[in-house]
Amino acid sequence: MNKTTHSVSALRKEHQRLRRSLAQIGYLSQGSVVDRSKLRPPRFGYQWTRKVQGKTVTVALAESEFKALGQAIANQRKLNQTLRKMEQLSRRILFSNRYQDDRRKTLRQKVLGLI
């Protein structure tokens, strides 16, 4: 087994691990939540802010909603990060199997979006 085959195998295993991790992600939500009591000057309550059709929408929350939405937002960010990693791994795998012709120069990492 040569170096390229070994590295492609490792990339495929990492891709498979990331696919399995997607199944573990719970509820998802975009936006951000704020505990207004931590602001200066302190205020009362919790807030959820998100963009809807280019406009900022703010909703007052109960403490339980604040905690649940906070977790959902963290899950959304983790999902986005995992998908970016999977996309990069996919390109590495796809282009490592590509036939390299003598008249074509090799693609750089920046072109493939790997850096």
PDB file of N, CA and C in Angstrom:
ATOM      1  N   MET A   1       0.846  -1.169   0.000  1.00  0.00           N
ATOM      2  CA  MET A   1       0.000   0.000   0.000  1.00  0.00           C
ATOM      3  C   MET A   1       0.897   1.239   0.000  1.00  0.00           C
ATOM      4  N   ASN A   2       0.713   2.107  -0.997  1.00  0.00           N
ATOM      5  CA  ASN A   2       1.564   3.289  -1.068  1.00  0.00           C
ATOM      6  C   ASN A   2       1.021   4.409  -0.186  1.00  0.00           C
ATOM      7  N   LYS A   3       1.767   5.505  -0.128  1.00  0.00           N
ATOM      8  CA  LYS A   3       1.426   6.616   0.764  1.00  0.00           C
ATOM      9  C   LYS A   3       0.082   7.233   0.408  1.00  0.00           C
ATOM     10  N   THR A   4      -0.206   7.398  -0.893  1.00  0.00           N
ATOM     11  CA  THR A   4      -1.454   8.004  -1.331  1.00  0.00           C
ATOM     12  C   THR A   4      -2.651   7.146  -0.928  1.00  0.00           C
ATOM     13  N   THR A   5      -2.561   5.848  -1.126  1.00  0.00           N
ATOM     14  CA  THR A   5      -3.643   4.943  -0.755  1.00  0.00           C
ATOM     15  C   THR A   5      -3.879   4.977   0.749  1.00  0.00           C
ATOM     16  N   HIS A   6      -2.783   5.003   1.500  1.00  0.00           N
ATOM     17  CA  HIS A   6      -2.897   5.055   2.961  1.00  0.00           C
ATOM     18  C   HIS A   6      -3.560   6.353   3.415  1.00  0.00           C
ATOM     19  N   SER A   7      -3.159   7.476   2.841  1.00  0.00           N
ATOM     20  CA  SER A   7      -3.736   8.753   3.261  1.00  0.00           C
ATOM     21  C   SER A   7      -5.198   8.869   2.838  1.00  0.00           C
ATOM     22  N   VAL A   8      -5.544   8.350   1.660  1.00  0.00           N
ATOM     23  CA  VAL A   8      -6.941   8.368   1.221  1.00  0.00           C
ATOM     24  C   VAL A   8      -7.784   7.505   2.152  1.00  0.00           C
ATOM     25  N   SER A   9      -7.256   6.382   2.580  1.00  0.00           N
ATOM     26  CA  SER A   9      -7.963   5.512   3.518  1.00  0.00           C
ATOM     27  C   SER A   9      -8.206   6.241   4.839  1.00  0.00           C
ATOM     28  N   ALA A  10      -7.214   6.946   5.320  1.00  0.00           N
ATOM     29  CA  ALA A  10      -7.371   7.707   6.569  1.00  0.00           C
ATOM     30  C   ALA A  10      -8.386   8.832   6.395  1.00  0.00           C
ATOM     31  N   LEU A  11      -8.363   9.489   5.237  1.00  0.00           N
ATOM     32  CA  LEU A  11      -9.340  10.548   4.965  1.00  0.00           C
ATOM     33  C   LEU A  11     -10.756   9.994   4.929  1.00  0.00           C
ATOM     34  N   ARG A  12     -10.919   8.819   4.327  1.00  0.00           N
ATOM     35  CA  ARG A  12     -12.255   8.197   4.268  1.00  0.00           C
ATOM     36  C   ARG A  12     -12.756   7.823   5.661  1.00  0.00           C
ATOM     37  N   LYS A  13     -11.855   7.334   6.511  1.00  0.00           N
ATOM     38  CA  LYS A  13     -12.246   6.998   7.887  1.00  0.00           C
ATOM     39  C   LYS A  13     -12.681   8.241   8.650  1.00  0.00           C
ATOM     40  N   GLU A  14     -11.948   9.329   8.460  1.00  0.00           N
ATOM     41  CA  GLU A  14     -12.311  10.592   9.120  1.00  0.00           C
ATOM     42  C   GLU A  14     -13.655  11.100   8.609  1.00  0.00           C
ATOM     43  N   HIS A  15     -13.884  10.991   7.305  1.00  0.00           N
ATOM     44  CA  HIS A  15     -15.161  11.401   6.718  1.00  0.00           C
ATOM     45  C   HIS A  15     -16.303  10.566   7.300  1.00  0.00           C
ATOM     46  N   GLN A  16     -16.087   9.279   7.432  1.00  0.00           N
ATOM     47  CA  GLN A  16     -17.099   8.381   8.001  1.00  0.00           C
ATOM     48  C   GLN A  16     -17.389   8.747   9.461  1.00  0.00           C
ATOM     49  N   ARG A  17     -16.344   9.084  10.221  1.00  0.00           N
ATOM     50  CA  ARG A  17     -16.517   9.495  11.616  1.00  0.00           C
ATOM     51  C   ARG A  17     -17.361  10.763  11.695  1.00  0.00           C
ATOM     52  N   LEU A  18     -17.106  11.708  10.808  1.00  0.00           N
ATOM     53  CA  LEU A  18     -17.879  12.948  10.793  1.00  0.00           C
ATOM     54  C   LEU A  18     -19.335  12.682  10.412  1.00  0.00           C
ATOM     55  N   ARG A  19     -19.559  11.751   9.474  1.00  0.00           N
ATOM     56  CA  ARG A  19     -20.934  11.391   9.094  1.00  0.00           C
ATOM     57  C   ARG A  19     -21.695  10.833  10.294  1.00  0.00           C
ATOM     58  N   ARG A  20     -21.027   9.975  11.068  1.00  0.00           N
ATOM     59  CA  ARG A  20     -21.682   9.411  12.258  1.00  0.00           C
ATOM     60  C   ARG A  20     -21.963  10.497  13.298  1.00  0.00           C
ATOM     61  N   SER A  21     -21.066  11.475  13.417  1.00  0.00           N
ATOM     62  CA  SER A  21     -21.264  12.538  14.405  1.00  0.00           C
ATOM     63  C   SER A  21     -22.477  13.404  14.057  1.00  0.00           C
ATOM     64  N   LEU A  22     -22.822  13.491  12.769  1.00  0.00           N
ATOM     65  CA  LEU A  22     -24.000  14.266  12.374  1.00  0.00           C
ATOM     66  C   LEU A  22     -25.285  13.686  12.961  1.00  0.00           C
ATOM     67  N   ALA A  23     -25.328  12.376  13.112  1.00  0.00           N
ATOM     68  CA  ALA A  23     -26.527  11.725  13.654  1.00  0.00           C
ATOM     69  C   ALA A  23     -26.735  12.061  15.128  1.00  0.00           C
ATOM     70  N   GLN A  24     -25.701  12.528  15.807  1.00  0.00           N
ATOM     71  CA  GLN A  24     -25.789  12.825  17.232  1.00  0.00           C
ATOM     72  C   GLN A  24     -26.252  14.255  17.527  1.00  0.00           C
ATOM     73  N   ILE A  25     -26.297  15.099  16.492  1.00  0.00           N
ATOM     74  CA  ILE A  25     -26.672  16.500  16.693  1.00  0.00           C
ATOM     75  C   ILE A  25     -28.172  16.579  16.940  1.00  0.00           C
ATOM     76  N   GLY A  26     -28.549  17.344  17.954  1.00  0.00           N
ATOM     77  CA  GLY A  26     -29.954  17.492  18.326  1.00  0.00           C
ATOM     78  C   GLY A  26     -30.641  18.609  17.558  1.00  0.00           C
ATOM     79  N   TYR A  27     -31.469  19.357  18.270  1.00  0.00           N
ATOM     80  CA  TYR A  27     -32.219  20.445  17.654  1.00  0.00           C
ATOM     81  C   TYR A  27     -31.282  21.536  17.163  1.00  0.00           C
ATOM     82  N   LEU A  28     -31.739  22.257  16.116  1.00  0.00           N
ATOM     83  CA  LEU A  28     -30.933  23.296  15.492  1.00  0.00           C
ATOM     84  C   LEU A  28     -31.682  24.614  15.463  1.00  0.00           C
ATOM     85  N   SER A  29     -30.931  25.698  15.582  1.00  0.00           N
ATOM     86  CA  SER A  29     -31.515  27.021  15.440  1.00  0.00           C
ATOM     87  C   SER A  29     -30.434  28.014  15.070  1.00  0.00           C
ATOM     88  N   GLN A  30     -30.808  28.990  14.294  1.00  0.00           N
ATOM     89  CA  GLN A  30     -29.894  30.068  13.961  1.00  0.00           C
ATOM     90  C   GLN A  30     -30.122  31.230  14.920  1.00  0.00           C
ATOM     91  N   GLY A  31     -29.180  32.138  14.964  1.00  0.00           N
ATOM     92  CA  GLY A  31     -29.320  33.327  15.776  1.00  0.00           C
ATOM     93  C   GLY A  31     -28.382  33.322  16.964  1.00  0.00           C
ATOM     94  N   SER A  32     -28.731  34.118  17.959  1.00  0.00           N
ATOM     95  CA  SER A  32     -27.948  34.173  19.190  1.00  0.00           C
ATOM     96  C   SER A  32     -28.881  34.481  20.354  1.00  0.00           C
ATOM     97  N   VAL A  33     -28.470  34.059  21.538  1.00  0.00           N
ATOM     98  CA  VAL A  33     -29.242  34.329  22.741  1.00  0.00           C
ATOM     99  C   VAL A  33     -28.401  35.171  23.697  1.00  0.00           C
ATOM    100  N   VAL A  34     -29.083  36.001  24.489  1.00  0.00           N
ATOM    101  CA  VAL A  34     -28.402  36.898  25.415  1.00  0.00           C
ATOM    102  C   VAL A  34     -29.093  36.830  26.768  1.00  0.00           C
ATOM    103  N   ASP A  35     -28.286  36.679  27.805  1.00  0.00           N
ATOM    104  CA  ASP A  35     -28.777  36.825  29.174  1.00  0.00           C
ATOM    105  C   ASP A  35     -28.630  38.301  29.505  1.00  0.00           C
ATOM    106  N   ARG A  36     -29.750  39.011  29.498  1.00  0.00           N
ATOM    107  CA  ARG A  36     -29.704  40.471  29.654  1.00  0.00           C
ATOM    108  C   ARG A  36     -29.248  40.918  31.041  1.00  0.00           C
ATOM    109  N   SER A  37     -29.278  40.029  32.029  1.00  0.00           N
ATOM    110  CA  SER A  37     -28.830  40.411  33.376  1.00  0.00           C
ATOM    111  C   SER A  37     -27.320  40.605  33.434  1.00  0.00           C
ATOM    112  N   LYS A  38     -26.604  40.104  32.440  1.00  0.00           N
ATOM    113  CA  LYS A  38     -25.148  40.238  32.407  1.00  0.00           C
ATOM    114  C   LYS A  38     -24.694  41.487  31.646  1.00  0.00           C
ATOM    115  N   LEU A  39     -25.639  42.228  31.089  1.00  0.00           N
ATOM    116  CA  LEU A  39     -25.310  43.455  30.379  1.00  0.00           C
ATOM    117  C   LEU A  39     -25.005  44.577  31.360  1.00  0.00           C
ATOM    118  N   ARG A  40     -24.374  45.635  30.866  1.00  0.00           N
ATOM    119  CA  ARG A  40     -24.131  46.832  31.673  1.00  0.00           C
ATOM    120  C   ARG A  40     -24.877  47.980  31.052  1.00  0.00           C
ATOM    121  N   PRO A  41     -25.835  48.605  31.711  1.00  0.00           N
ATOM    122  CA  PRO A  41     -26.415  48.249  33.002  1.00  0.00           C
ATOM    123  C   PRO A  41     -27.267  46.983  32.876  1.00  0.00           C
ATOM    124  N   PRO A  42     -27.364  46.221  33.967  1.00  0.00           N
ATOM    125  CA  PRO A  42     -28.135  44.970  33.935  1.00  0.00           C
ATOM    126  C   PRO A  42     -29.616  45.223  33.649  1.00  0.00           C
ATOM    127  N   ARG A  43     -30.189  44.300  32.908  1.00  0.00           N
ATOM    128  CA  ARG A  43     -31.616  44.363  32.589  1.00  0.00           C
ATOM    129  C   ARG A  43     -32.243  43.043  32.960  1.00  0.00           C
ATOM    130  N   PHE A  44     -33.524  42.939  32.769  1.00  0.00           N
ATOM    131  CA  PHE A  44     -34.244  41.733  33.166  1.00  0.00           C
ATOM    132  C   PHE A  44     -34.500  40.859  31.950  1.00  0.00           C
ATOM    133  N   GLY A  45     -34.314  39.549  32.092  1.00  0.00           N
ATOM    134  CA  GLY A  45     -34.764  38.583  31.099  1.00  0.00           C
ATOM    135  C   GLY A  45     -33.714  38.087  30.133  1.00  0.00           C
ATOM    136  N   TYR A  46     -34.220  37.339  29.155  1.00  0.00           N
ATOM    137  CA  TYR A  46     -33.401  36.683  28.142  1.00  0.00           C
ATOM    138  C   TYR A  46     -33.928  37.076  26.775  1.00  0.00           C
ATOM    139  N   GLN A  47     -33.038  37.002  25.779  1.00  0.00           N
ATOM    140  CA  GLN A  47     -33.390  37.469  24.449  1.00  0.00           C
ATOM    141  C   GLN A  47     -32.799  36.545  23.386  1.00  0.00           C
ATOM    142  N   TRP A  48     -33.571  36.329  22.323  1.00  0.00           N
ATOM    143  CA  TRP A  48     -33.104  35.575  21.162  1.00  0.00           C
ATOM    144  C   TRP A  48     -33.201  36.497  19.956  1.00  0.00           C
ATOM    145  N   THR A  49     -32.118  36.609  19.201  1.00  0.00           N
ATOM    146  CA  THR A  49     -32.071  37.492  18.039  1.00  0.00           C
ATOM    147  C   THR A  49     -31.657  36.677  16.822  1.00  0.00           C
ATOM    148  N   ARG A  50     -32.324  36.936  15.700  1.00  0.00           N
ATOM    149  CA  ARG A  50     -31.993  36.259  14.445  1.00  0.00           C
ATOM    150  C   ARG A  50     -32.411  37.143  13.274  1.00  0.00           C
ATOM    151  N   LYS A  51     -31.928  36.793  12.095  1.00  0.00           N
ATOM    152  CA  LYS A  51     -32.281  37.527  10.878  1.00  0.00           C
ATOM    153  C   LYS A  51     -33.385  36.789  10.132  1.00  0.00           C
ATOM    154  N   VAL A  52     -34.404  37.536   9.714  1.00  0.00           N
ATOM    155  CA  VAL A  52     -35.489  36.993   8.905  1.00  0.00           C
ATOM    156  C   VAL A  52     -35.679  37.939   7.731  1.00  0.00           C
ATOM    157  N   GLN A  53     -35.414  37.466   6.530  1.00  0.00           N
ATOM    158  CA  GLN A  53     -35.526  38.243   5.297  1.00  0.00           C
ATOM    159  C   GLN A  53     -34.779  39.574   5.411  1.00  0.00           C
ATOM    160  N   GLY A  54     -33.566  39.513   5.949  1.00  0.00           N
ATOM    161  CA  GLY A  54     -32.726  40.695   6.043  1.00  0.00           C
ATOM    162  C   GLY A  54     -33.040  41.625   7.203  1.00  0.00           C
ATOM    163  N   LYS A  55     -34.028  41.297   7.992  1.00  0.00           N
ATOM    164  CA  LYS A  55     -34.394  42.124   9.141  1.00  0.00           C
ATOM    165  C   LYS A  55     -34.062  41.383  10.430  1.00  0.00           C
ATOM    166  N   THR A  56     -33.644  42.117  11.447  1.00  0.00           N
ATOM    167  CA  THR A  56     -33.350  41.523  12.742  1.00  0.00           C
ATOM    168  C   THR A  56     -34.644  41.372  13.527  1.00  0.00           C
ATOM    169  N   VAL A  57     -34.873  40.155  14.016  1.00  0.00           N
ATOM    170  CA  VAL A  57     -36.057  39.859  14.825  1.00  0.00           C
ATOM    171  C   VAL A  57     -35.574  39.469  16.211  1.00  0.00           C
ATOM    172  N   THR A  58     -36.157  40.089  17.234  1.00  0.00           N
ATOM    173  CA  THR A  58     -35.776  39.819  18.615  1.00  0.00           C
ATOM    174  C   THR A  58     -36.996  39.308  19.367  1.00  0.00           C
ATOM    175  N   VAL A  59     -36.773  38.250  20.161  1.00  0.00           N
ATOM    176  CA  VAL A  59     -37.859  37.634  20.920  1.00  0.00           C
ATOM    177  C   VAL A  59     -37.438  37.521  22.374  1.00  0.00           C
ATOM    178  N   ALA A  60     -38.338  37.911  23.286  1.00  0.00           N
ATOM    179  CA  ALA A  60     -38.088  37.721  24.712  1.00  0.00           C
ATOM    180  C   ALA A  60     -38.315  36.250  25.055  1.00  0.00           C
ATOM    181  N   LEU A  61     -37.473  35.713  25.959  1.00  0.00           N
ATOM    182  CA  LEU A  61     -37.521  34.292  26.285  1.00  0.00           C
ATOM    183  C   LEU A  61     -37.660  34.070  27.781  1.00  0.00           C
ATOM    184  N   ALA A  62     -38.237  32.923  28.127  1.00  0.00           N
ATOM    185  CA  ALA A  62     -38.188  32.431  29.502  1.00  0.00           C
ATOM    186  C   ALA A  62     -36.835  31.744  29.688  1.00  0.00           C
ATOM    187  N   GLU A  63     -36.439  31.484  30.933  1.00  0.00           N
ATOM    188  CA  GLU A  63     -35.135  30.878  31.196  1.00  0.00           C
ATOM    189  C   GLU A  63     -34.996  29.507  30.537  1.00  0.00           C
ATOM    190  N   SER A  64     -36.045  28.690  30.590  1.00  0.00           N
ATOM    191  CA  SER A  64     -35.970  27.354  29.977  1.00  0.00           C
ATOM    192  C   SER A  64     -35.810  27.460  28.459  1.00  0.00           C
ATOM    193  N   GLU A  65     -36.499  28.423  27.841  1.00  0.00           N
ATOM    194  CA  GLU A  65     -36.355  28.635  26.400  1.00  0.00           C
ATOM    195  C   GLU A  65     -34.945  29.121  26.064  1.00  0.00           C
ATOM    196  N   PHE A  66     -34.407  29.993  26.928  1.00  0.00           N
ATOM    197  CA  PHE A  66     -33.050  30.508  26.747  1.00  0.00           C
ATOM    198  C   PHE A  66     -32.039  29.367  26.717  1.00  0.00           C
ATOM    199  N   LYS A  67     -32.154  28.457  27.663  1.00  0.00           N
ATOM    200  CA  LYS A  67     -31.222  27.323  27.732  1.00  0.00           C
ATOM    201  C   LYS A  67     -31.385  26.399  26.528  1.00  0.00           C
ATOM    202  N   ALA A  68     -32.617  26.092  26.156  1.00  0.00           N
ATOM    203  CA  ALA A  68     -32.874  25.194  25.030  1.00  0.00           C
ATOM    204  C   ALA A  68     -32.388  25.803  23.710  1.00  0.00           C
ATOM    205  N   LEU A  69     -32.684  27.084  23.505  1.00  0.00           N
ATOM    206  CA  LEU A  69     -32.239  27.738  22.276  1.00  0.00           C
ATOM    207  C   LEU A  69     -30.727  27.896  22.242  1.00  0.00           C
ATOM    208  N   GLY A  70     -30.123  28.140  23.388  1.00  0.00           N
ATOM    209  CA  GLY A  70     -28.664  28.229  23.454  1.00  0.00           C
ATOM    210  C   GLY A  70     -28.016  26.932  22.985  1.00  0.00           C
ATOM    211  N   GLN A  71     -28.566  25.810  23.413  1.00  0.00           N
ATOM    212  CA  GLN A  71     -28.045  24.506  22.986  1.00  0.00           C
ATOM    213  C   GLN A  71     -28.294  24.274  21.497  1.00  0.00           C
ATOM    214  N   ALA A  72     -29.468  24.663  21.011  1.00  0.00           N
ATOM    215  CA  ALA A  72     -29.795  24.487  19.595  1.00  0.00           C
ATOM    216  C   ALA A  72     -28.872  25.336  18.707  1.00  0.00           C
ATOM    217  N   ILE A  73     -28.537  26.533  19.161  1.00  0.00           N
ATOM    218  CA  ILE A  73     -27.633  27.410  18.408  1.00  0.00           C
ATOM    219  C   ILE A  73     -26.229  26.815  18.401  1.00  0.00           C
ATOM    220  N   ALA A  74     -25.785  26.281  19.535  1.00  0.00           N
ATOM    221  CA  ALA A  74     -24.475  25.616  19.603  1.00  0.00           C
ATOM    222  C   ALA A  74     -24.447  24.413  18.663  1.00  0.00           C
ATOM    223  N   ASN A  75     -25.555  23.658  18.600  1.00  0.00           N
ATOM    224  CA  ASN A  75     -25.646  22.516  17.688  1.00  0.00           C
ATOM    225  C   ASN A  75     -25.555  22.966  16.227  1.00  0.00           C
ATOM    226  N   GLN A  76     -26.197  24.083  15.912  1.00  0.00           N
ATOM    227  CA  GLN A  76     -26.161  24.620  14.548  1.00  0.00           C
ATOM    228  C   GLN A  76     -24.732  24.985  14.155  1.00  0.00           C
ATOM    229  N   ARG A  77     -24.013  25.608  15.056  1.00  0.00           N
ATOM    230  CA  ARG A  77     -22.623  25.997  14.777  1.00  0.00           C
ATOM    231  C   ARG A  77     -21.733  24.764  14.614  1.00  0.00           C
ATOM    232  N   LYS A  78     -21.970  23.754  15.443  1.00  0.00           N
ATOM    233  CA  LYS A  78     -21.208  22.503  15.326  1.00  0.00           C
ATOM    234  C   LYS A  78     -21.511  21.828  13.990  1.00  0.00           C
ATOM    235  N   LEU A  79     -22.773  21.833  13.589  1.00  0.00           N
ATOM    236  CA  LEU A  79     -23.168  21.262  12.297  1.00  0.00           C
ATOM    237  C   LEU A  79     -22.445  21.963  11.156  1.00  0.00           C
ATOM    238  N   ASN A  80     -22.441  23.294  11.166  1.00  0.00           N
ATOM    239  CA  ASN A  80     -21.785  24.051  10.111  1.00  0.00           C
ATOM    240  C   ASN A  80     -20.290  23.740  10.056  1.00  0.00           C
ATOM    241  N   GLN A  81     -19.654  23.637  11.208  1.00  0.00           N
ATOM    242  CA  GLN A  81     -18.226  23.329  11.270  1.00  0.00           C
ATOM    243  C   GLN A  81     -17.958  21.916  10.733  1.00  0.00           C
ATOM    244  N   THR A  82     -18.792  20.966  11.114  1.00  0.00           N
ATOM    245  CA  THR A  82     -18.642  19.588  10.646  1.00  0.00           C
ATOM    246  C   THR A  82     -18.820  19.503   9.133  1.00  0.00           C
ATOM    247  N   LEU A  83     -19.800  20.219   8.602  1.00  0.00           N
ATOM    248  CA  LEU A  83     -20.031  20.203   7.155  1.00  0.00           C
ATOM    249  C   LEU A  83     -18.854  20.814   6.397  1.00  0.00           C
ATOM    250  N   ARG A  84     -18.253  21.880   6.934  1.00  0.00           N
ATOM    251  CA  ARG A  84     -17.070  22.465   6.294  1.00  0.00           C
ATOM    252  C   ARG A  84     -15.921  21.458   6.256  1.00  0.00           C
ATOM    253  N   LYS A  85     -15.713  20.728   7.368  1.00  0.00           N
ATOM    254  CA  LYS A  85     -14.655  19.714   7.413  1.00  0.00           C
ATOM    255  C   LYS A  85     -14.941  18.599   6.408  1.00  0.00           C
ATOM    256  N   MET A  86     -16.209  18.164   6.342  1.00  0.00           N
ATOM    257  CA  MET A  86     -16.572  17.093   5.419  1.00  0.00           C
ATOM    258  C   MET A  86     -16.376  17.527   3.970  1.00  0.00           C
ATOM    259  N   GLU A  87     -16.689  18.774   3.674  1.00  0.00           N
ATOM    260  CA  GLU A  87     -16.516  19.293   2.323  1.00  0.00           C
ATOM    261  C   GLU A  87     -15.038  19.285   1.937  1.00  0.00           C
ATOM    262  N   GLN A  88     -14.167  19.716   2.840  1.00  0.00           N
ATOM    263  CA  GLN A  88     -12.732  19.710   2.561  1.00  0.00           C
ATOM    264  C   GLN A  88     -12.210  18.283   2.383  1.00  0.00           C
ATOM    265  N   LEU A  89     -12.633  17.376   3.256  1.00  0.00           N
ATOM    266  CA  LEU A  89     -12.207  15.980   3.120  1.00  0.00           C
ATOM    267  C   LEU A  89     -12.688  15.384   1.804  1.00  0.00           C
ATOM    268  N   SER A  90     -13.914  15.708   1.437  1.00  0.00           N
ATOM    269  CA  SER A  90     -14.467  15.192   0.180  1.00  0.00           C
ATOM    270  C   SER A  90     -13.627  15.639  -1.002  1.00  0.00           C
ATOM    271  N   ARG A  91     -13.256  16.916  -1.014  1.00  0.00           N
ATOM    272  CA  ARG A  91     -12.432  17.407  -2.123  1.00  0.00           C
ATOM    273  C   ARG A  91     -11.069  16.737  -2.133  1.00  0.00           C
ATOM    274  N   ARG A  92     -10.473  16.545  -0.956  1.00  0.00           N
ATOM    275  CA  ARG A  92      -9.177  15.860  -0.915  1.00  0.00           C
ATOM    276  C   ARG A  92      -9.280  14.453  -1.469  1.00  0.00           C
ATOM    277  N   ILE A  93     -10.328  13.734  -1.083  1.00  0.00           N
ATOM    278  CA  ILE A  93     -10.524  12.361  -1.558  1.00  0.00           C
ATOM    279  C   ILE A  93     -10.790  12.350  -3.058  1.00  0.00           C
ATOM    280  N   LEU A  94     -11.686  13.214  -3.510  1.00  0.00           N
ATOM    281  CA  LEU A  94     -12.044  13.239  -4.929  1.00  0.00           C
ATOM    282  C   LEU A  94     -10.862  13.600  -5.821  1.00  0.00           C
ATOM    283  N   PHE A  95     -10.068  14.579  -5.401  1.00  0.00           N
ATOM    284  CA  PHE A  95      -8.960  15.006  -6.248  1.00  0.00           C
ATOM    285  C   PHE A  95      -7.717  14.144  -6.076  1.00  0.00           C
ATOM    286  N   SER A  96      -7.622  13.368  -5.017  1.00  0.00           N
ATOM    287  CA  SER A  96      -6.480  12.459  -4.880  1.00  0.00           C
ATOM    288  C   SER A  96      -6.612  11.285  -5.837  1.00  0.00           C
ATOM    289  N   ASN A  97      -7.838  10.933  -6.218  1.00  0.00           N
ATOM    290  CA  ASN A  97      -8.075   9.813  -7.137  1.00  0.00           C
ATOM    291  C   ASN A  97      -8.046  10.250  -8.598  1.00  0.00           C
ATOM    292  N   ARG A  98      -7.875  11.536  -8.831  1.00  0.00           N
ATOM    293  CA  ARG A  98      -7.913  12.080 -10.186  1.00  0.00           C
ATOM    294  C   ARG A  98      -6.646  11.706 -10.939  1.00  0.00           C
ATOM    295  N   TYR A  99      -6.811  11.341 -12.174  1.00  0.00           N
ATOM    296  CA  TYR A  99      -5.665  11.004 -13.021  1.00  0.00           C
ATOM    297  C   TYR A  99      -4.864  12.277 -13.274  1.00  0.00           C
ATOM    298  N   GLN A 100      -3.582  12.240 -12.977  1.00  0.00           N
ATOM    299  CA  GLN A 100      -2.702  13.388 -13.181  1.00  0.00           C
ATOM    300  C   GLN A 100      -2.058  13.287 -14.556  1.00  0.00           C
ATOM    301  N   ASP A 101      -2.464  14.146 -15.442  1.00  0.00           N
ATOM    302  CA  ASP A 101      -1.899  14.194 -16.785  1.00  0.00           C
ATOM    303  C   ASP A 101      -0.649  15.070 -16.761  1.00  0.00           C
ATOM    304  N   ASP A 102       0.332  14.742 -17.594  1.00  0.00           N
ATOM    305  CA  ASP A 102       1.586  15.495 -17.628  1.00  0.00           C
ATOM    306  C   ASP A 102       1.382  16.940 -18.053  1.00  0.00           C
ATOM    307  N   ARG A 103       0.388  17.190 -18.875  1.00  0.00           N
ATOM    308  CA  ARG A 103       0.223  18.551 -19.364  1.00  0.00           C
ATOM    309  C   ARG A 103      -0.617  19.420 -18.434  1.00  0.00           C
ATOM    310  N   ARG A 104      -1.111  18.843 -17.383  1.00  0.00           N
ATOM    311  CA  ARG A 104      -1.927  19.612 -16.431  1.00  0.00           C
ATOM    312  C   ARG A 104      -1.163  19.755 -15.122  1.00  0.00           C
ATOM    313  N   LYS A 105      -1.070  20.978 -14.633  1.00  0.00           N
ATOM    314  CA  LYS A 105      -0.379  21.171 -13.369  1.00  0.00           C
ATOM    315  C   LYS A 105      -1.285  20.740 -12.218  1.00  0.00           C
ATOM    316  N   THR A 106      -0.676  20.350 -11.110  1.00  0.00           N
ATOM    317  CA  THR A 106      -1.458  19.891  -9.966  1.00  0.00           C
ATOM    318  C   THR A 106      -2.179  21.069  -9.325  1.00  0.00           C
ATOM    319  N   LEU A 107      -3.331  20.789  -8.788  1.00  0.00           N
ATOM    320  CA  LEU A 107      -4.127  21.833  -8.147  1.00  0.00           C
ATOM    321  C   LEU A 107      -3.572  22.132  -6.761  1.00  0.00           C
ATOM    322  N   ARG A 108      -3.469  23.386  -6.459  1.00  0.00           N
ATOM    323  CA  ARG A 108      -2.951  23.816  -5.162  1.00  0.00           C
ATOM    324  C   ARG A 108      -4.054  23.740  -4.112  1.00  0.00           C
ATOM    325  N   GLN A 109      -3.629  23.697  -2.847  1.00  0.00           N
ATOM    326  CA  GLN A 109      -4.587  23.591  -1.744  1.00  0.00           C
ATOM    327  C   GLN A 109      -5.531  24.784  -1.702  1.00  0.00           C
ATOM    328  N   LYS A 110      -5.040  25.966  -2.015  1.00  0.00           N
ATOM    329  CA  LYS A 110      -5.894  27.158  -1.994  1.00  0.00           C
ATOM    330  C   LYS A 110      -7.008  27.056  -3.028  1.00  0.00           C
ATOM    331  N   VAL A 111      -6.680  26.522  -4.213  1.00  0.00           N
ATOM    332  CA  VAL A 111      -7.672  26.355  -5.269  1.00  0.00           C
ATOM    333  C   VAL A 111      -8.755  25.372  -4.831  1.00  0.00           C
ATOM    334  N   LEU A 112      -8.356  24.342  -4.109  1.00  0.00           N
ATOM    335  CA  LEU A 112      -9.308  23.328  -3.638  1.00  0.00           C
ATOM    336  C   LEU A 112     -10.067  23.795  -2.394  1.00  0.00           C
ATOM    337  N   GLY A 113      -9.711  24.941  -1.847  1.00  0.00           N
ATOM    338  CA  GLY A 113     -10.385  25.447  -0.652  1.00  0.00           C
ATOM    339  C   GLY A 113      -9.977  24.724   0.606  1.00  0.00           C
ATOM    340  N   LEU A 114      -8.755  24.199   0.653  1.00  0.00           N
ATOM    341  CA  LEU A 114      -8.299  23.438   1.796  1.00  0.00           C
ATOM    342  C   LEU A 114      -7.561  24.304   2.812  1.00  0.00           C
ATOM    343  N   ILE A 115      -7.194  25.514   2.415  1.00  0.00           N
ATOM    344  CA  ILE A 115      -6.552  26.442   3.357  1.00  0.00           C
ATOM    345  C   ILE A 115      -7.245  27.781   3.311  1.00  0.00           C
TER     346      ILE A 115
END
